């Protein structure tokens, strides 16, 4: 698997948030946490740093963390 860095994950998160339909932004943040939980955890990356690089509100780090926790229980649809 390709190692993804904090900057790239921040860009992806920002894109997911900004391209989400109105009202679905938080769900997209959770989805990001689900999709990238393995990479974030395996590489011991900082969720706060990823969110900071994304350009979204820093308080959304909590929502990314929720998605990471959900990743144990859900599989994203493609």
PDB file of N, CA and C in Angstrom:
ATOM      1  N   UNK A   1       0.842  -1.185   0.000  1.00  0.00           N
ATOM      2  CA  UNK A   1       0.000   0.000   0.000  1.00  0.00           C
ATOM      3  C   UNK A   1       0.886   1.245   0.000  1.00  0.00           C
ATOM      4  N   UNK A   2       0.441   2.263  -0.691  1.00  0.00           N
ATOM      5  CA  UNK A   2       1.173   3.522  -0.770  1.00  0.00           C
ATOM      6  C   UNK A   2       1.021   4.267   0.550  1.00  0.00           C
ATOM      7  N   UNK A   3       2.128   4.762   1.068  1.00  0.00           N
ATOM      8  CA  UNK A   3       2.069   5.543   2.302  1.00  0.00           C
ATOM      9  C   UNK A   3       1.546   6.938   1.972  1.00  0.00           C
ATOM     10  N   UNK A   4       0.503   7.324   2.662  1.00  0.00           N
ATOM     11  CA  UNK A   4      -0.109   8.631   2.458  1.00  0.00           C
ATOM     12  C   UNK A   4       0.309   9.531   3.610  1.00  0.00           C
ATOM     13  N   UNK A   5       0.695  10.757   3.304  1.00  0.00           N
ATOM     14  CA  UNK A   5       1.151  11.655   4.362  1.00  0.00           C
ATOM     15  C   UNK A   5       0.020  12.573   4.842  1.00  0.00           C
ATOM     16  N   UNK A   6       0.310  13.330   5.878  1.00  0.00           N
ATOM     17  CA  UNK A   6      -0.676  14.213   6.495  1.00  0.00           C
ATOM     18  C   UNK A   6      -1.199  15.235   5.489  1.00  0.00           C
ATOM     19  N   UNK A   7      -0.328  15.789   4.672  1.00  0.00           N
ATOM     20  CA  UNK A   7      -0.758  16.792   3.687  1.00  0.00           C
ATOM     21  C   UNK A   7      -1.738  16.212   2.688  1.00  0.00           C
ATOM     22  N   UNK A   8      -1.444  15.025   2.181  1.00  0.00           N
ATOM     23  CA  UNK A   8      -2.328  14.386   1.204  1.00  0.00           C
ATOM     24  C   UNK A   8      -3.667  14.031   1.839  1.00  0.00           C
ATOM     25  N   UNK A   9      -3.633  13.503   3.052  1.00  0.00           N
ATOM     26  CA  UNK A   9      -4.896  13.186   3.745  1.00  0.00           C
ATOM     27  C   UNK A   9      -5.688  14.462   4.013  1.00  0.00           C
ATOM     28  N   UNK A  10      -5.011  15.534   4.362  1.00  0.00           N
ATOM     29  CA  UNK A  10      -5.689  16.817   4.551  1.00  0.00           C
ATOM     30  C   UNK A  10      -6.362  17.294   3.279  1.00  0.00           C
ATOM     31  N   UNK A  11      -5.680  17.137   2.166  1.00  0.00           N
ATOM     32  CA  UNK A  11      -6.263  17.535   0.879  1.00  0.00           C
ATOM     33  C   UNK A  11      -7.509  16.706   0.576  1.00  0.00           C
ATOM     34  N   UNK A  12      -7.416  15.394   0.803  1.00  0.00           N
ATOM     35  CA  UNK A  12      -8.545  14.499   0.546  1.00  0.00           C
ATOM     36  C   UNK A  12      -9.725  14.872   1.438  1.00  0.00           C
ATOM     37  N   UNK A  13      -9.470  15.091   2.716  1.00  0.00           N
ATOM     38  CA  UNK A  13     -10.536  15.460   3.645  1.00  0.00           C
ATOM     39  C   UNK A  13     -11.187  16.772   3.232  1.00  0.00           C
ATOM     40  N   UNK A  14     -10.385  17.750   2.890  1.00  0.00           N
ATOM     41  CA  UNK A  14     -10.921  19.040   2.439  1.00  0.00           C
ATOM     42  C   UNK A  14     -11.799  18.887   1.208  1.00  0.00           C
ATOM     43  N   UNK A  15     -11.354  18.073   0.266  1.00  0.00           N
ATOM     44  CA  UNK A  15     -12.144  17.828  -0.948  1.00  0.00           C
ATOM     45  C   UNK A  15     -13.468  17.141  -0.622  1.00  0.00           C
ATOM     46  N   UNK A  16     -13.413  16.124   0.234  1.00  0.00           N
ATOM     47  CA  UNK A  16     -14.640  15.408   0.602  1.00  0.00           C
ATOM     48  C   UNK A  16     -15.629  16.356   1.270  1.00  0.00           C
ATOM     49  N   UNK A  17     -15.130  17.200   2.153  1.00  0.00           N
ATOM     50  CA  UNK A  17     -15.988  18.147   2.856  1.00  0.00           C
ATOM     51  C   UNK A  17     -16.577  19.182   1.893  1.00  0.00           C
ATOM     52  N   UNK A  18     -15.726  19.779   1.082  1.00  0.00           N
ATOM     53  CA  UNK A  18     -16.158  20.863   0.196  1.00  0.00           C
ATOM     54  C   UNK A  18     -17.055  20.396  -0.944  1.00  0.00           C
ATOM     55  N   UNK A  19     -16.926  19.147  -1.344  1.00  0.00           N
ATOM     56  CA  UNK A  19     -17.739  18.622  -2.442  1.00  0.00           C
ATOM     57  C   UNK A  19     -19.021  17.943  -1.961  1.00  0.00           C
ATOM     58  N   UNK A  20     -19.191  17.849  -0.648  1.00  0.00           N
ATOM     59  CA  UNK A  20     -20.378  17.196  -0.091  1.00  0.00           C
ATOM     60  C   UNK A  20     -21.614  18.050  -0.338  1.00  0.00           C
ATOM     61  N   UNK A  21     -22.745  17.405  -0.634  1.00  0.00           N
ATOM     62  CA  UNK A  21     -23.996  18.163  -0.747  1.00  0.00           C
ATOM     63  C   UNK A  21     -24.293  18.872   0.572  1.00  0.00           C
ATOM     64  N   UNK A  22     -24.963  20.003   0.486  1.00  0.00           N
ATOM     65  CA  UNK A  22     -25.300  20.768   1.686  1.00  0.00           C
ATOM     66  C   UNK A  22     -26.033  19.871   2.681  1.00  0.00           C
ATOM     67  N   UNK A  23     -25.562  19.891   3.910  1.00  0.00           N
ATOM     68  CA  UNK A  23     -26.168  19.076   4.949  1.00  0.00           C
ATOM     69  C   UNK A  23     -25.488  17.732   5.155  1.00  0.00           C
ATOM     70  N   UNK A  24     -24.607  17.339   4.230  1.00  0.00           N
ATOM     71  CA  UNK A  24     -23.920  16.049   4.320  1.00  0.00           C
ATOM     72  C   UNK A  24     -22.443  16.179   4.679  1.00  0.00           C
ATOM     73  N   UNK A  25     -22.005  17.386   5.016  1.00  0.00           N
ATOM     74  CA  UNK A  25     -20.582  17.601   5.268  1.00  0.00           C
ATOM     75  C   UNK A  25     -20.067  16.761   6.438  1.00  0.00           C
ATOM     76  N   UNK A  26     -20.806  16.705   7.535  1.00  0.00           N
ATOM     77  CA  UNK A  26     -20.333  15.952   8.709  1.00  0.00           C
ATOM     78  C   UNK A  26     -20.307  14.459   8.391  1.00  0.00           C
ATOM     79  N   UNK A  27     -21.302  13.990   7.639  1.00  0.00           N
ATOM     80  CA  UNK A  27     -21.302  12.579   7.236  1.00  0.00           C
ATOM     81  C   UNK A  27     -20.068  12.265   6.396  1.00  0.00           C
ATOM     82  N   UNK A  28     -19.663  13.183   5.538  1.00  0.00           N
ATOM     83  CA  UNK A  28     -18.461  12.971   4.719  1.00  0.00           C
ATOM     84  C   UNK A  28     -17.200  12.956   5.572  1.00  0.00           C
ATOM     85  N   UNK A  29     -17.189  13.739   6.645  1.00  0.00           N
ATOM     86  CA  UNK A  29     -16.052  13.715   7.558  1.00  0.00           C
ATOM     87  C   UNK A  29     -15.976  12.357   8.244  1.00  0.00           C
ATOM     88  N   UNK A  30     -17.120  11.841   8.688  1.00  0.00           N
ATOM     89  CA  UNK A  30     -17.152  10.506   9.287  1.00  0.00           C
ATOM     90  C   UNK A  30     -16.676   9.467   8.279  1.00  0.00           C
ATOM     91  N   UNK A  31     -17.153   9.583   7.041  1.00  0.00           N
ATOM     92  CA  UNK A  31     -16.752   8.647   5.992  1.00  0.00           C
ATOM     93  C   UNK A  31     -15.248   8.685   5.763  1.00  0.00           C
ATOM     94  N   UNK A  32     -14.670   9.873   5.779  1.00  0.00           N
ATOM     95  CA  UNK A  32     -13.218   9.992   5.652  1.00  0.00           C
ATOM     96  C   UNK A  32     -12.531   9.186   6.756  1.00  0.00           C
ATOM     97  N   UNK A  33     -13.006   9.343   8.000  1.00  0.00           N
ATOM     98  CA  UNK A  33     -12.427   8.602   9.118  1.00  0.00           C
ATOM     99  C   UNK A  33     -12.531   7.106   8.928  1.00  0.00           C
ATOM    100  N   UNK A  34     -13.665   6.655   8.422  1.00  0.00           N
ATOM    101  CA  UNK A  34     -13.867   5.223   8.163  1.00  0.00           C
ATOM    102  C   UNK A  34     -12.903   4.741   7.079  1.00  0.00           C
ATOM    103  N   UNK A  35     -12.853   5.478   5.966  1.00  0.00           N
ATOM    104  CA  UNK A  35     -12.051   5.044   4.825  1.00  0.00           C
ATOM    105  C   UNK A  35     -10.547   5.051   5.106  1.00  0.00           C
ATOM    106  N   UNK A  36     -10.079   6.005   5.873  1.00  0.00           N
ATOM    107  CA  UNK A  36      -8.642   6.172   6.066  1.00  0.00           C
ATOM    108  C   UNK A  36      -8.167   5.792   7.465  1.00  0.00           C
ATOM    109  N   UNK A  37      -9.029   5.170   8.256  1.00  0.00           N
ATOM    110  CA  UNK A  37      -8.665   4.786   9.626  1.00  0.00           C
ATOM    111  C   UNK A  37      -7.413   3.928   9.654  1.00  0.00           C
ATOM    112  N   UNK A  38      -7.353   2.933   8.789  1.00  0.00           N
ATOM    113  CA  UNK A  38      -6.214   2.022   8.793  1.00  0.00           C
ATOM    114  C   UNK A  38      -4.905   2.762   8.530  1.00  0.00           C
ATOM    115  N   UNK A  39      -4.907   3.647   7.546  1.00  0.00           N
ATOM    116  CA  UNK A  39      -3.697   4.409   7.204  1.00  0.00           C
ATOM    117  C   UNK A  39      -3.304   5.338   8.350  1.00  0.00           C
ATOM    118  N   UNK A  40      -4.298   6.007   8.915  1.00  0.00           N
ATOM    119  CA  UNK A  40      -4.030   6.952  10.003  1.00  0.00           C
ATOM    120  C   UNK A  40      -3.461   6.219  11.212  1.00  0.00           C
ATOM    121  N   UNK A  41      -4.097   5.118  11.583  1.00  0.00           N
ATOM    122  CA  UNK A  41      -3.658   4.385  12.771  1.00  0.00           C
ATOM    123  C   UNK A  41      -2.323   3.679  12.553  1.00  0.00           C
ATOM    124  N   UNK A  42      -2.163   3.030  11.410  1.00  0.00           N
ATOM    125  CA  UNK A  42      -0.936   2.276  11.130  1.00  0.00           C
ATOM    126  C   UNK A  42       0.297   3.181  11.090  1.00  0.00           C
ATOM    127  N   UNK A  43       0.096   4.415  10.613  1.00  0.00           N
ATOM    128  CA  UNK A  43       1.215   5.350  10.504  1.00  0.00           C
ATOM    129  C   UNK A  43       1.282   6.328  11.672  1.00  0.00           C
ATOM    130  N   UNK A  44       0.402   6.117  12.661  1.00  0.00           N
ATOM    131  CA  UNK A  44       0.373   6.961  13.859  1.00  0.00           C
ATOM    132  C   UNK A  44       0.309   8.444  13.502  1.00  0.00           C
ATOM    133  N   UNK A  45      -0.604   8.788  12.578  1.00  0.00           N
ATOM    134  CA  UNK A  45      -0.750  10.170  12.131  1.00  0.00           C
ATOM    135  C   UNK A  45      -1.684  10.930  13.062  1.00  0.00           C
ATOM    136  N   UNK A  46      -1.472  12.217  13.165  1.00  0.00           N
ATOM    137  CA  UNK A  46      -2.281  13.076  14.026  1.00  0.00           C
ATOM    138  C   UNK A  46      -3.542  13.527  13.292  1.00  0.00           C
ATOM    139  N   UNK A  47      -4.695  13.205  13.873  1.00  0.00           N
ATOM    140  CA  UNK A  47      -5.968  13.644  13.292  1.00  0.00           C
ATOM    141  C   UNK A  47      -6.033  15.165  13.289  1.00  0.00           C
ATOM    142  N   UNK A  48      -5.547  15.802  14.354  1.00  0.00           N
ATOM    143  CA  UNK A  48      -5.556  17.268  14.416  1.00  0.00           C
ATOM    144  C   UNK A  48      -4.725  17.875  13.294  1.00  0.00           C
ATOM    145  N   UNK A  49      -3.583  17.270  12.989  1.00  0.00           N
ATOM    146  CA  UNK A  49      -2.738  17.770  11.902  1.00  0.00           C
ATOM    147  C   UNK A  49      -3.420  17.595  10.551  1.00  0.00           C
ATOM    148  N   UNK A  50      -4.082  16.473  10.354  1.00  0.00           N
ATOM    149  CA  UNK A  50      -4.795  16.220   9.094  1.00  0.00           C
ATOM    150  C   UNK A  50      -5.892  17.261   8.909  1.00  0.00           C
ATOM    151  N   UNK A  51      -6.670  17.481   9.956  1.00  0.00           N
ATOM    152  CA  UNK A  51      -7.760  18.464   9.879  1.00  0.00           C
ATOM    153  C   UNK A  51      -7.195  19.862   9.639  1.00  0.00           C
ATOM    154  N   UNK A  52      -6.101  20.191  10.296  1.00  0.00           N
ATOM    155  CA  UNK A  52      -5.487  21.505  10.092  1.00  0.00           C
ATOM    156  C   UNK A  52      -5.078  21.693   8.631  1.00  0.00           C
ATOM    157  N   UNK A  53      -4.552  20.660   8.011  1.00  0.00           N
ATOM    158  CA  UNK A  53      -4.121  20.735   6.605  1.00  0.00           C
ATOM    159  C   UNK A  53      -5.311  20.781   5.649  1.00  0.00           C
ATOM    160  N   UNK A  54      -6.476  20.332   6.107  1.00  0.00           N
ATOM    161  CA  UNK A  54      -7.652  20.264   5.235  1.00  0.00           C
ATOM    162  C   UNK A  54      -8.286  21.631   5.001  1.00  0.00           C
ATOM    163  N   UNK A  55      -8.061  22.559   5.923  1.00  0.00           N
ATOM    164  CA  UNK A  55      -8.668  23.877   5.803  1.00  0.00           C
ATOM    165  C   UNK A  55     -10.072  23.958   6.389  1.00  0.00           C
ATOM    166  N   UNK A  56     -10.564  22.869   6.977  1.00  0.00           N
ATOM    167  CA  UNK A  56     -11.875  22.915   7.608  1.00  0.00           C
ATOM    168  C   UNK A  56     -11.707  23.281   9.080  1.00  0.00           C
ATOM    169  N   UNK A  57     -12.803  23.513   9.758  1.00  0.00           N
ATOM    170  CA  UNK A  57     -12.771  23.923  11.161  1.00  0.00           C
ATOM    171  C   UNK A  57     -12.044  22.881  12.012  1.00  0.00           C
ATOM    172  N   UNK A  58     -11.096  23.315  12.847  1.00  0.00           N
ATOM    173  CA  UNK A  58     -10.344  22.374  13.688  1.00  0.00           C
ATOM    174  C   UNK A  58     -11.212  21.515  14.596  1.00  0.00           C
ATOM    175  N   UNK A  59     -12.400  21.994  14.934  1.00  0.00           N
ATOM    176  CA  UNK A  59     -13.284  21.215  15.806  1.00  0.00           C
ATOM    177  C   UNK A  59     -13.742  19.916  15.142  1.00  0.00           C
ATOM    178  N   UNK A  60     -13.607  19.820  13.831  1.00  0.00           N
ATOM    179  CA  UNK A  60     -14.008  18.602  13.119  1.00  0.00           C
ATOM    180  C   UNK A  60     -13.059  17.430  13.363  1.00  0.00           C
ATOM    181  N   UNK A  61     -11.955  17.662  14.055  1.00  0.00           N
ATOM    182  CA  UNK A  61     -11.064  16.544  14.407  1.00  0.00           C
ATOM    183  C   UNK A  61     -11.834  15.500  15.211  1.00  0.00           C
ATOM    184  N   UNK A  62     -12.763  15.943  16.045  1.00  0.00           N
ATOM    185  CA  UNK A  62     -13.595  15.023  16.823  1.00  0.00           C
ATOM    186  C   UNK A  62     -14.423  14.145  15.896  1.00  0.00           C
ATOM    187  N   UNK A  63     -14.937  14.714  14.819  1.00  0.00           N
ATOM    188  CA  UNK A  63     -15.766  13.956  13.885  1.00  0.00           C
ATOM    189  C   UNK A  63     -14.935  12.935  13.107  1.00  0.00           C
ATOM    190  N   UNK A  64     -13.710  13.296  12.748  1.00  0.00           N
ATOM    191  CA  UNK A  64     -12.813  12.332  12.092  1.00  0.00           C
ATOM    192  C   UNK A  64     -12.552  11.171  13.037  1.00  0.00           C
ATOM    193  N   UNK A  65     -12.300  11.482  14.301  1.00  0.00           N
ATOM    194  CA  UNK A  65     -12.048  10.431  15.293  1.00  0.00           C
ATOM    195  C   UNK A  65     -13.252   9.506  15.447  1.00  0.00           C
ATOM    196  N   UNK A  66     -14.442  10.057  15.374  1.00  0.00           N
ATOM    197  CA  UNK A  66     -15.656   9.224  15.430  1.00  0.00           C
ATOM    198  C   UNK A  66     -15.689   8.262  14.243  1.00  0.00           C
ATOM    199  N   UNK A  67     -15.331   8.761  13.066  1.00  0.00           N
ATOM    200  CA  UNK A  67     -15.286   7.906  11.884  1.00  0.00           C
ATOM    201  C   UNK A  67     -14.267   6.786  12.033  1.00  0.00           C
ATOM    202  N   UNK A  68     -13.126   7.113  12.616  1.00  0.00           N
ATOM    203  CA  UNK A  68     -12.094   6.095  12.845  1.00  0.00           C
ATOM    204  C   UNK A  68     -12.641   4.999  13.755  1.00  0.00           C
ATOM    205  N   UNK A  69     -13.330   5.399  14.819  1.00  0.00           N
ATOM    206  CA  UNK A  69     -13.922   4.404  15.725  1.00  0.00           C
ATOM    207  C   UNK A  69     -14.988   3.577  15.016  1.00  0.00           C
ATOM    208  N   UNK A  70     -15.772   4.204  14.149  1.00  0.00           N
ATOM    209  CA  UNK A  70     -16.809   3.492  13.403  1.00  0.00           C
ATOM    210  C   UNK A  70     -16.233   2.490  12.410  1.00  0.00           C
ATOM    211  N   UNK A  71     -14.990   2.697  11.994  1.00  0.00           N
ATOM    212  CA  UNK A  71     -14.388   1.849  10.959  1.00  0.00           C
ATOM    213  C   UNK A  71     -14.335   0.377  11.347  1.00  0.00           C
ATOM    214  N   UNK A  72     -14.394   0.104  12.633  1.00  0.00           N
ATOM    215  CA  UNK A  72     -14.384  -1.280  13.110  1.00  0.00           C
ATOM    216  C   UNK A  72     -15.721  -1.955  12.786  1.00  0.00           C
ATOM    217  N   UNK A  73     -16.767  -1.155  12.638  1.00  0.00           N
ATOM    218  CA  UNK A  73     -18.121  -1.697  12.510  1.00  0.00           C
ATOM    219  C   UNK A  73     -18.767  -1.522  11.131  1.00  0.00           C
ATOM    220  N   UNK A  74     -18.249  -0.633  10.298  1.00  0.00           N
ATOM    221  CA  UNK A  74     -18.888  -0.352   9.019  1.00  0.00           C
ATOM    222  C   UNK A  74     -17.915  -0.478   7.860  1.00  0.00           C
ATOM    223  N   UNK A  75     -18.482  -0.723   6.690  1.00  0.00           N
ATOM    224  CA  UNK A  75     -17.708  -0.768   5.450  1.00  0.00           C
ATOM    225  C   UNK A  75     -18.344   0.231   4.494  1.00  0.00           C
ATOM    226  N   UNK A  76     -17.566   1.179   3.941  1.00  0.00           N
ATOM    227  CA  UNK A  76     -18.150   2.166   3.039  1.00  0.00           C
ATOM    228  C   UNK A  76     -18.626   1.560   1.726  1.00  0.00           C
ATOM    229  N   UNK A  77     -19.717   2.082   1.193  1.00  0.00           N
ATOM    230  CA  UNK A  77     -20.183   1.707  -0.139  1.00  0.00           C
ATOM    231  C   UNK A  77     -19.387   2.520  -1.147  1.00  0.00           C
ATOM    232  N   UNK A  78     -19.116   1.929  -2.265  1.00  0.00           N
ATOM    233  CA  UNK A  78     -18.375   2.658  -3.305  1.00  0.00           C
ATOM    234  C   UNK A  78     -19.303   3.282  -4.294  1.00  0.00           C
TER     235      UNK A  78
END
